[in-house]
Amino acid sequence: MSQNDTQDNKTSELDSVELKDGRDADLSISSRDKVRKQLEDEVEAFLAKGGQIDQVAPNVTADPPQKPQNNYCSRPI
């Protein structure tokens, strides 16, 4: 097995990754360009129908702060 064959094998391994649900994700440049173009088209269609994109401040989170839990003496004797 030559070095070129090994490199081709690594490249093909990187082009496809198995997702958690068992499907294969194609990570090639052409597939990424296709997904990027699809996203651009969907955003343009959304804006054309009167949709609006809001900018969210970087310090805003969807996870509100929670009350600290008291674990003092929580273990059974």
PDB file of N, CA and C in Angstrom:
ATOM      1  N   MET A   1       0.857  -1.177   0.000  1.00  0.00           N
ATOM      2  CA  MET A   1       0.000   0.000   0.000  1.00  0.00           C
ATOM      3  C   MET A   1       0.896   1.230   0.000  1.00  0.00           C
ATOM      4  N   SER A   2       0.703   2.097  -0.957  1.00  0.00           N
ATOM      5  CA  SER A   2       1.547   3.283  -1.065  1.00  0.00           C
ATOM      6  C   SER A   2       1.024   4.396  -0.171  1.00  0.00           C
ATOM      7  N   GLN A   3       1.844   5.419  -0.030  1.00  0.00           N
ATOM      8  CA  GLN A   3       1.452   6.564   0.796  1.00  0.00           C
ATOM      9  C   GLN A   3       0.256   7.279   0.184  1.00  0.00           C
ATOM     10  N   ASN A   4       0.186   7.326  -1.146  1.00  0.00           N
ATOM     11  CA  ASN A   4      -0.928   7.984  -1.830  1.00  0.00           C
ATOM     12  C   ASN A   4      -2.240   7.249  -1.558  1.00  0.00           C
ATOM     13  N   ASP A   5      -2.197   5.883  -1.547  1.00  0.00           N
ATOM     14  CA  ASP A   5      -3.399   5.103  -1.246  1.00  0.00           C
ATOM     15  C   ASP A   5      -3.876   5.361   0.171  1.00  0.00           C
ATOM     16  N   THR A   6      -2.922   5.464   1.103  1.00  0.00           N
ATOM     17  CA  THR A   6      -3.268   5.731   2.501  1.00  0.00           C
ATOM     18  C   THR A   6      -3.900   7.098   2.638  1.00  0.00           C
ATOM     19  N   GLN A   7      -3.365   8.091   1.939  1.00  0.00           N
ATOM     20  CA  GLN A   7      -3.916   9.444   2.010  1.00  0.00           C
ATOM     21  C   GLN A   7      -5.302   9.500   1.390  1.00  0.00           C
ATOM     22  N   ASP A   8      -5.540   8.770   0.282  1.00  0.00           N
ATOM     23  CA  ASP A   8      -6.864   8.729  -0.336  1.00  0.00           C
ATOM     24  C   ASP A   8      -7.872   8.095   0.614  1.00  0.00           C
ATOM     25  N   ASN A   9      -7.458   7.062   1.336  1.00  0.00           N
ATOM     26  CA  ASN A   9      -8.327   6.395   2.293  1.00  0.00           C
ATOM     27  C   ASN A   9      -8.704   7.344   3.426  1.00  0.00           C
ATOM     28  N   LYS A  10      -7.735   8.117   3.929  1.00  0.00           N
ATOM     29  CA  LYS A  10      -8.021   9.078   4.990  1.00  0.00           C
ATOM     30  C   LYS A  10      -8.970  10.154   4.502  1.00  0.00           C
ATOM     31  N   THR A  11      -8.783  10.626   3.264  1.00  0.00           N
ATOM     32  CA  THR A  11      -9.649  11.650   2.701  1.00  0.00           C
ATOM     33  C   THR A  11     -11.077  11.140   2.591  1.00  0.00           C
ATOM     34  N   SER A  12     -11.247   9.893   2.131  1.00  0.00           N
ATOM     35  CA  SER A  12     -12.601   9.360   2.003  1.00  0.00           C
ATOM     36  C   SER A  12     -13.240   9.164   3.373  1.00  0.00           C
ATOM     37  N   GLU A  13     -12.450   8.843   4.408  1.00  0.00           N
ATOM     38  CA  GLU A  13     -12.979   8.725   5.757  1.00  0.00           C
ATOM     39  C   GLU A  13     -13.464  10.073   6.272  1.00  0.00           C
ATOM     40  N   LEU A  14     -12.765  11.147   5.916  1.00  0.00           N
ATOM     41  CA  LEU A  14     -13.130  12.474   6.383  1.00  0.00           C
ATOM     42  C   LEU A  14     -14.312  13.052   5.613  1.00  0.00           C
ATOM     43  N   ASP A  15     -14.566  12.563   4.401  1.00  0.00           N
ATOM     44  CA  ASP A  15     -15.673  13.075   3.594  1.00  0.00           C
ATOM     45  C   ASP A  15     -17.024  12.576   4.083  1.00  0.00           C
ATOM     46  N   SER A  16     -17.043  11.500   4.839  1.00  0.00           N
ATOM     47  CA  SER A  16     -18.304  10.944   5.310  1.00  0.00           C
ATOM     48  C   SER A  16     -18.175  10.579   6.779  1.00  0.00           C
ATOM     49  N   VAL A  17     -19.113  11.081   7.575  1.00  0.00           N
ATOM     50  CA  VAL A  17     -19.109  10.831   9.010  1.00  0.00           C
ATOM     51  C   VAL A  17     -20.476  10.313   9.399  1.00  0.00           C
ATOM     52  N   GLU A  18     -20.511   9.319  10.271  1.00  0.00           N
ATOM     53  CA  GLU A  18     -21.793   8.773  10.711  1.00  0.00           C
ATOM     54  C   GLU A  18     -22.368   9.648  11.816  1.00  0.00           C
ATOM     55  N   LEU A  19     -23.640  10.037  11.644  1.00  0.00           N
ATOM     56  CA  LEU A  19     -24.327  10.839  12.639  1.00  0.00           C
ATOM     57  C   LEU A  19     -24.853   9.945  13.753  1.00  0.00           C
ATOM     58  N   LYS A  20     -25.310  10.563  14.852  1.00  0.00           N
ATOM     59  CA  LYS A  20     -25.804   9.801  16.004  1.00  0.00           C
ATOM     60  C   LYS A  20     -26.993   8.913  15.650  1.00  0.00           C
ATOM     61  N   ASP A  21     -27.819   9.342  14.687  1.00  0.00           N
ATOM     62  CA  ASP A  21     -28.992   8.542  14.333  1.00  0.00           C
ATOM     63  C   ASP A  21     -28.681   7.478  13.279  1.00  0.00           C
ATOM     64  N   GLY A  22     -27.407   7.285  12.952  1.00  0.00           N
ATOM     65  CA  GLY A  22     -27.009   6.221  12.042  1.00  0.00           C
ATOM     66  C   GLY A  22     -26.852   6.632  10.595  1.00  0.00           C
ATOM     67  N   ARG A  23     -27.286   7.844  10.245  1.00  0.00           N
ATOM     68  CA  ARG A  23     -27.135   8.293   8.862  1.00  0.00           C
ATOM     69  C   ARG A  23     -25.710   8.762   8.624  1.00  0.00           C
ATOM     70  N   ASP A  24     -25.277   8.737   7.365  1.00  0.00           N
ATOM     71  CA  ASP A  24     -23.965   9.259   6.998  1.00  0.00           C
ATOM     72  C   ASP A  24     -24.098  10.713   6.588  1.00  0.00           C
ATOM     73  N   ALA A  25     -23.196  11.551   7.077  1.00  0.00           N
ATOM     74  CA  ALA A  25     -23.174  12.958   6.696  1.00  0.00           C
ATOM     75  C   ALA A  25     -22.050  13.154   5.693  1.00  0.00           C
ATOM     76  N   ASP A  26     -22.362  13.744   4.567  1.00  0.00           N
ATOM     77  CA  ASP A  26     -21.373  14.012   3.528  1.00  0.00           C
ATOM     78  C   ASP A  26     -20.715  15.341   3.847  1.00  0.00           C
ATOM     79  N   LEU A  27     -19.400  15.323   4.098  1.00  0.00           N
ATOM     80  CA  LEU A  27     -18.688  16.532   4.488  1.00  0.00           C
ATOM     81  C   LEU A  27     -17.788  17.074   3.383  1.00  0.00           C
ATOM     82  N   SER A  28     -18.015  16.665   2.139  1.00  0.00           N
ATOM     83  CA  SER A  28     -17.182  17.152   1.052  1.00  0.00           C
ATOM     84  C   SER A  28     -17.472  18.627   0.784  1.00  0.00           C
ATOM     85  N   ILE A  29     -16.554  19.282   0.124  1.00  0.00           N
ATOM     86  CA  ILE A  29     -16.692  20.713  -0.162  1.00  0.00           C
ATOM     87  C   ILE A  29     -17.921  20.970  -1.022  1.00  0.00           C
ATOM     88  N   SER A  30     -18.170  20.118  -2.013  1.00  0.00           N
ATOM     89  CA  SER A  30     -19.323  20.325  -2.887  1.00  0.00           C
ATOM     90  C   SER A  30     -20.635  20.181  -2.116  1.00  0.00           C
ATOM     91  N   SER A  31     -20.703  19.235  -1.178  1.00  0.00           N
ATOM     92  CA  SER A  31     -21.941  19.077  -0.413  1.00  0.00           C
ATOM     93  C   SER A  31     -22.135  20.247   0.542  1.00  0.00           C
ATOM     94  N   ARG A  32     -21.055  20.771   1.090  1.00  0.00           N
ATOM     95  CA  ARG A  32     -21.166  21.948   1.966  1.00  0.00           C
ATOM     96  C   ARG A  32     -21.617  23.165   1.177  1.00  0.00           C
ATOM     97  N   ASP A  33     -21.102  23.316  -0.046  1.00  0.00           N
ATOM     98  CA  ASP A  33     -21.538  24.428  -0.894  1.00  0.00           C
ATOM     99  C   ASP A  33     -23.027  24.298  -1.227  1.00  0.00           C
ATOM    100  N   LYS A  34     -23.473  23.066  -1.458  1.00  0.00           N
ATOM    101  CA  LYS A  34     -24.882  22.829  -1.774  1.00  0.00           C
ATOM    102  C   LYS A  34     -25.770  23.222  -0.579  1.00  0.00           C
ATOM    103  N   VAL A  35     -25.360  22.834   0.627  1.00  0.00           N
ATOM    104  CA  VAL A  35     -26.124  23.162   1.827  1.00  0.00           C
ATOM    105  C   VAL A  35     -26.105  24.665   2.075  1.00  0.00           C
ATOM    106  N   ARG A  36     -24.954  25.288   1.858  1.00  0.00           N
ATOM    107  CA  ARG A  36     -24.834  26.739   2.040  1.00  0.00           C
ATOM    108  C   ARG A  36     -25.749  27.488   1.072  1.00  0.00           C
ATOM    109  N   LYS A  37     -25.800  27.036  -0.184  1.00  0.00           N
ATOM    110  CA  LYS A  37     -26.662  27.651  -1.197  1.00  0.00           C
ATOM    111  C   LYS A  37     -28.129  27.465  -0.822  1.00  0.00           C
ATOM    112  N   GLN A  38     -28.494  26.287  -0.326  1.00  0.00           N
ATOM    113  CA  GLN A  38     -29.871  26.017   0.086  1.00  0.00           C
ATOM    114  C   GLN A  38     -30.264  26.937   1.243  1.00  0.00           C
ATOM    115  N   LEU A  39     -29.367  27.128   2.193  1.00  0.00           N
ATOM    116  CA  LEU A  39     -29.647  28.011   3.326  1.00  0.00           C
ATOM    117  C   LEU A  39     -29.829  29.451   2.851  1.00  0.00           C
ATOM    118  N   GLU A  40     -28.969  29.909   1.945  1.00  0.00           N
ATOM    119  CA  GLU A  40     -29.106  31.264   1.399  1.00  0.00           C
ATOM    120  C   GLU A  40     -30.453  31.442   0.705  1.00  0.00           C
ATOM    121  N   ASP A  41     -30.872  30.442  -0.074  1.00  0.00           N
ATOM    122  CA  ASP A  41     -32.158  30.512  -0.775  1.00  0.00           C
ATOM    123  C   ASP A  41     -33.323  30.571   0.214  1.00  0.00           C
ATOM    124  N   GLU A  42     -33.237  29.773   1.290  1.00  0.00           N
ATOM    125  CA  GLU A  42     -34.301  29.772   2.293  1.00  0.00           C
ATOM    126  C   GLU A  42     -34.376  31.103   3.037  1.00  0.00           C
ATOM    127  N   VAL A  43     -33.222  31.700   3.331  1.00  0.00           N
ATOM    128  CA  VAL A  43     -33.208  32.995   4.008  1.00  0.00           C
ATOM    129  C   VAL A  43     -33.786  34.068   3.098  1.00  0.00           C
ATOM    130  N   GLU A  44     -33.406  34.054   1.816  1.00  0.00           N
ATOM    131  CA  GLU A  44     -33.943  35.025   0.867  1.00  0.00           C
ATOM    132  C   GLU A  44     -35.464  34.885   0.747  1.00  0.00           C
ATOM    133  N   ALA A  45     -35.965  33.648   0.687  1.00  0.00           N
ATOM    134  CA  ALA A  45     -37.409  33.421   0.590  1.00  0.00           C
ATOM    135  C   ALA A  45     -38.109  33.916   1.855  1.00  0.00           C
ATOM    136  N   PHE A  46     -37.511  33.681   3.009  1.00  0.00           N
ATOM    137  CA  PHE A  46     -38.073  34.136   4.282  1.00  0.00           C
ATOM    138  C   PHE A  46     -38.158  35.654   4.323  1.00  0.00           C
ATOM    139  N   LEU A  47     -37.092  36.324   3.903  1.00  0.00           N
ATOM    140  CA  LEU A  47     -37.084  37.786   3.894  1.00  0.00           C
ATOM    141  C   LEU A  47     -38.044  38.345   2.848  1.00  0.00           C
ATOM    142  N   ALA A  48     -38.178  37.658   1.707  1.00  0.00           N
ATOM    143  CA  ALA A  48     -39.076  38.110   0.644  1.00  0.00           C
ATOM    144  C   ALA A  48     -40.539  38.044   1.098  1.00  0.00           C
ATOM    145  N   LYS A  49     -40.874  37.105   1.998  1.00  0.00           N
ATOM    146  CA  LYS A  49     -42.244  36.992   2.504  1.00  0.00           C
ATOM    147  C   LYS A  49     -42.499  37.957   3.659  1.00  0.00           C
ATOM    148  N   GLY A  50     -41.547  38.826   3.954  1.00  0.00           N
ATOM    149  CA  GLY A  50     -41.743  39.797   5.019  1.00  0.00           C
ATOM    150  C   GLY A  50     -41.130  39.386   6.345  1.00  0.00           C
ATOM    151  N   GLY A  51     -40.400  38.303   6.351  1.00  0.00           N
ATOM    152  CA  GLY A  51     -39.752  37.860   7.586  1.00  0.00           C
ATOM    153  C   GLY A  51     -38.663  38.833   8.012  1.00  0.00           C
ATOM    154  N   GLN A  52     -38.326  38.780   9.263  1.00  0.00           N
ATOM    155  CA  GLN A  52     -37.332  39.696   9.807  1.00  0.00           C
ATOM    156  C   GLN A  52     -36.341  38.896  10.647  1.00  0.00           C
ATOM    157  N   ILE A  53     -35.081  39.248  10.546  1.00  0.00           N
ATOM    158  CA  ILE A  53     -34.034  38.601  11.326  1.00  0.00           C
ATOM    159  C   ILE A  53     -33.603  39.562  12.423  1.00  0.00           C
ATOM    160  N   ASP A  54     -33.712  39.117  13.664  1.00  0.00           N
ATOM    161  CA  ASP A  54     -33.339  39.943  14.807  1.00  0.00           C
ATOM    162  C   ASP A  54     -31.923  39.602  15.254  1.00  0.00           C
ATOM    163  N   GLN A  55     -31.161  40.625  15.612  1.00  0.00           N
ATOM    164  CA  GLN A  55     -29.830  40.427  16.167  1.00  0.00           C
ATOM    165  C   GLN A  55     -29.961  40.269  17.678  1.00  0.00           C
ATOM    166  N   VAL A  56     -29.365  39.238  18.222  1.00  0.00           N
ATOM    167  CA  VAL A  56     -29.422  38.976  19.660  1.00  0.00           C
ATOM    168  C   VAL A  56     -28.068  39.340  20.255  1.00  0.00           C
ATOM    169  N   ALA A  57     -28.103  40.043  21.363  1.00  0.00           N
ATOM    170  CA  ALA A  57     -26.867  40.442  22.032  1.00  0.00           C
ATOM    171  C   ALA A  57     -26.075  39.204  22.453  1.00  0.00           C
ATOM    172  N   PRO A  58     -24.758  39.270  22.400  1.00  0.00           N
ATOM    173  CA  PRO A  58     -23.943  38.094  22.721  1.00  0.00           C
ATOM    174  C   PRO A  58     -24.097  37.607  24.166  1.00  0.00           C
ATOM    175  N   ASN A  59     -24.503  38.482  25.075  1.00  0.00           N
ATOM    176  CA  ASN A  59     -24.591  38.076  26.478  1.00  0.00           C
ATOM    177  C   ASN A  59     -25.963  37.510  26.845  1.00  0.00           C
ATOM    178  N   VAL A  60     -26.895  37.415  25.900  1.00  0.00           N
ATOM    179  CA  VAL A  60     -28.234  36.893  26.161  1.00  0.00           C
ATOM    180  C   VAL A  60     -28.208  35.374  25.999  1.00  0.00           C
ATOM    181  N   THR A  61     -28.769  34.664  26.990  1.00  0.00           N
ATOM    182  CA  THR A  61     -28.830  33.210  26.907  1.00  0.00           C
ATOM    183  C   THR A  61     -30.274  32.746  27.081  1.00  0.00           C
ATOM    184  N   ALA A  62     -30.553  31.572  26.568  1.00  0.00           N
ATOM    185  CA  ALA A  62     -31.888  30.997  26.701  1.00  0.00           C
ATOM    186  C   ALA A  62     -32.001  30.181  27.985  1.00  0.00           C
ATOM    187  N   ASP A  63     -30.896  29.972  28.658  1.00  0.00           N
ATOM    188  CA  ASP A  63     -30.873  29.173  29.871  1.00  0.00           C
ATOM    189  C   ASP A  63     -30.880  30.109  31.084  1.00  0.00           C
ATOM    190  N   PRO A  64     -32.037  30.290  31.729  1.00  0.00           N
ATOM    191  CA  PRO A  64     -32.089  31.219  32.852  1.00  0.00           C
ATOM    192  C   PRO A  64     -31.292  30.676  34.045  1.00  0.00           C
ATOM    193  N   PRO A  65     -30.825  31.572  34.910  1.00  0.00           N
ATOM    194  CA  PRO A  65     -30.085  31.103  36.083  1.00  0.00           C
ATOM    195  C   PRO A  65     -30.990  30.271  36.985  1.00  0.00           C
ATOM    196  N   GLN A  66     -30.398  29.297  37.629  1.00  0.00           N
ATOM    197  CA  GLN A  66     -31.161  28.420  38.506  1.00  0.00           C
ATOM    198  C   GLN A  66     -30.725  28.610  39.945  1.00  0.00           C
ATOM    199  N   LYS A  67     -31.628  28.324  40.834  1.00  0.00           N
ATOM    200  CA  LYS A  67     -31.347  28.411  42.257  1.00  0.00           C
ATOM    201  C   LYS A  67     -30.326  27.324  42.612  1.00  0.00           C
ATOM    202  N   PRO A  68     -29.306  27.645  43.360  1.00  0.00           N
ATOM    203  CA  PRO A  68     -28.327  26.624  43.751  1.00  0.00           C
ATOM    204  C   PRO A  68     -28.969  25.525  44.589  1.00  0.00           C
ATOM    205  N   GLN A  69     -28.538  24.311  44.367  1.00  0.00           N
ATOM    206  CA  GLN A  69     -29.089  23.189  45.120  1.00  0.00           C
ATOM    207  C   GLN A  69     -28.331  23.033  46.430  1.00  0.00           C
ATOM    208  N   ASN A  70     -29.050  22.682  47.479  1.00  0.00           N
ATOM    209  CA  ASN A  70     -28.453  22.461  48.775  1.00  0.00           C
ATOM    210  C   ASN A  70     -28.220  20.965  48.941  1.00  0.00           C
ATOM    211  N   ASN A  71     -26.975  20.545  48.897  1.00  0.00           N
ATOM    212  CA  ASN A  71     -26.643  19.135  49.070  1.00  0.00           C
ATOM    213  C   ASN A  71     -26.077  18.852  50.460  1.00  0.00           C
ATOM    214  N   TYR A  72     -26.172  19.800  51.343  1.00  0.00           N
ATOM    215  CA  TYR A  72     -25.631  19.641  52.686  1.00  0.00           C
ATOM    216  C   TYR A  72     -26.414  18.576  53.438  1.00  0.00           C
ATOM    217  N   CYS A  73     -25.737  17.588  53.938  1.00  0.00           N
ATOM    218  CA  CYS A  73     -26.337  16.476  54.682  1.00  0.00           C
ATOM    219  C   CYS A  73     -27.396  15.729  53.871  1.00  0.00           C
ATOM    220  N   SER A  74     -27.170  15.573  52.615  1.00  0.00           N
ATOM    221  CA  SER A  74     -28.156  14.900  51.780  1.00  0.00           C
ATOM    222  C   SER A  74     -27.963  13.395  51.735  1.00  0.00           C
ATOM    223  N   ARG A  75     -26.810  12.906  52.203  1.00  0.00           N
ATOM    224  CA  ARG A  75     -26.557  11.456  52.186  1.00  0.00           C
ATOM    225  C   ARG A  75     -27.227  10.796  53.382  1.00  0.00           C
ATOM    226  N   PRO A  76     -27.771   9.592  53.181  1.00  0.00           N
ATOM    227  CA  PRO A  76     -28.368   8.886  54.324  1.00  0.00           C
ATOM    228  C   PRO A  76     -27.283   8.423  55.290  1.00  0.00           C
ATOM    229  N   ILE A  77     -27.660   8.251  56.534  1.00  0.00           N
ATOM    230  CA  ILE A  77     -26.698   7.830  57.562  1.00  0.00           C
ATOM    231  C   ILE A  77     -26.456   6.346  57.470  1.00  0.00           C
TER     232      ILE A  77
END
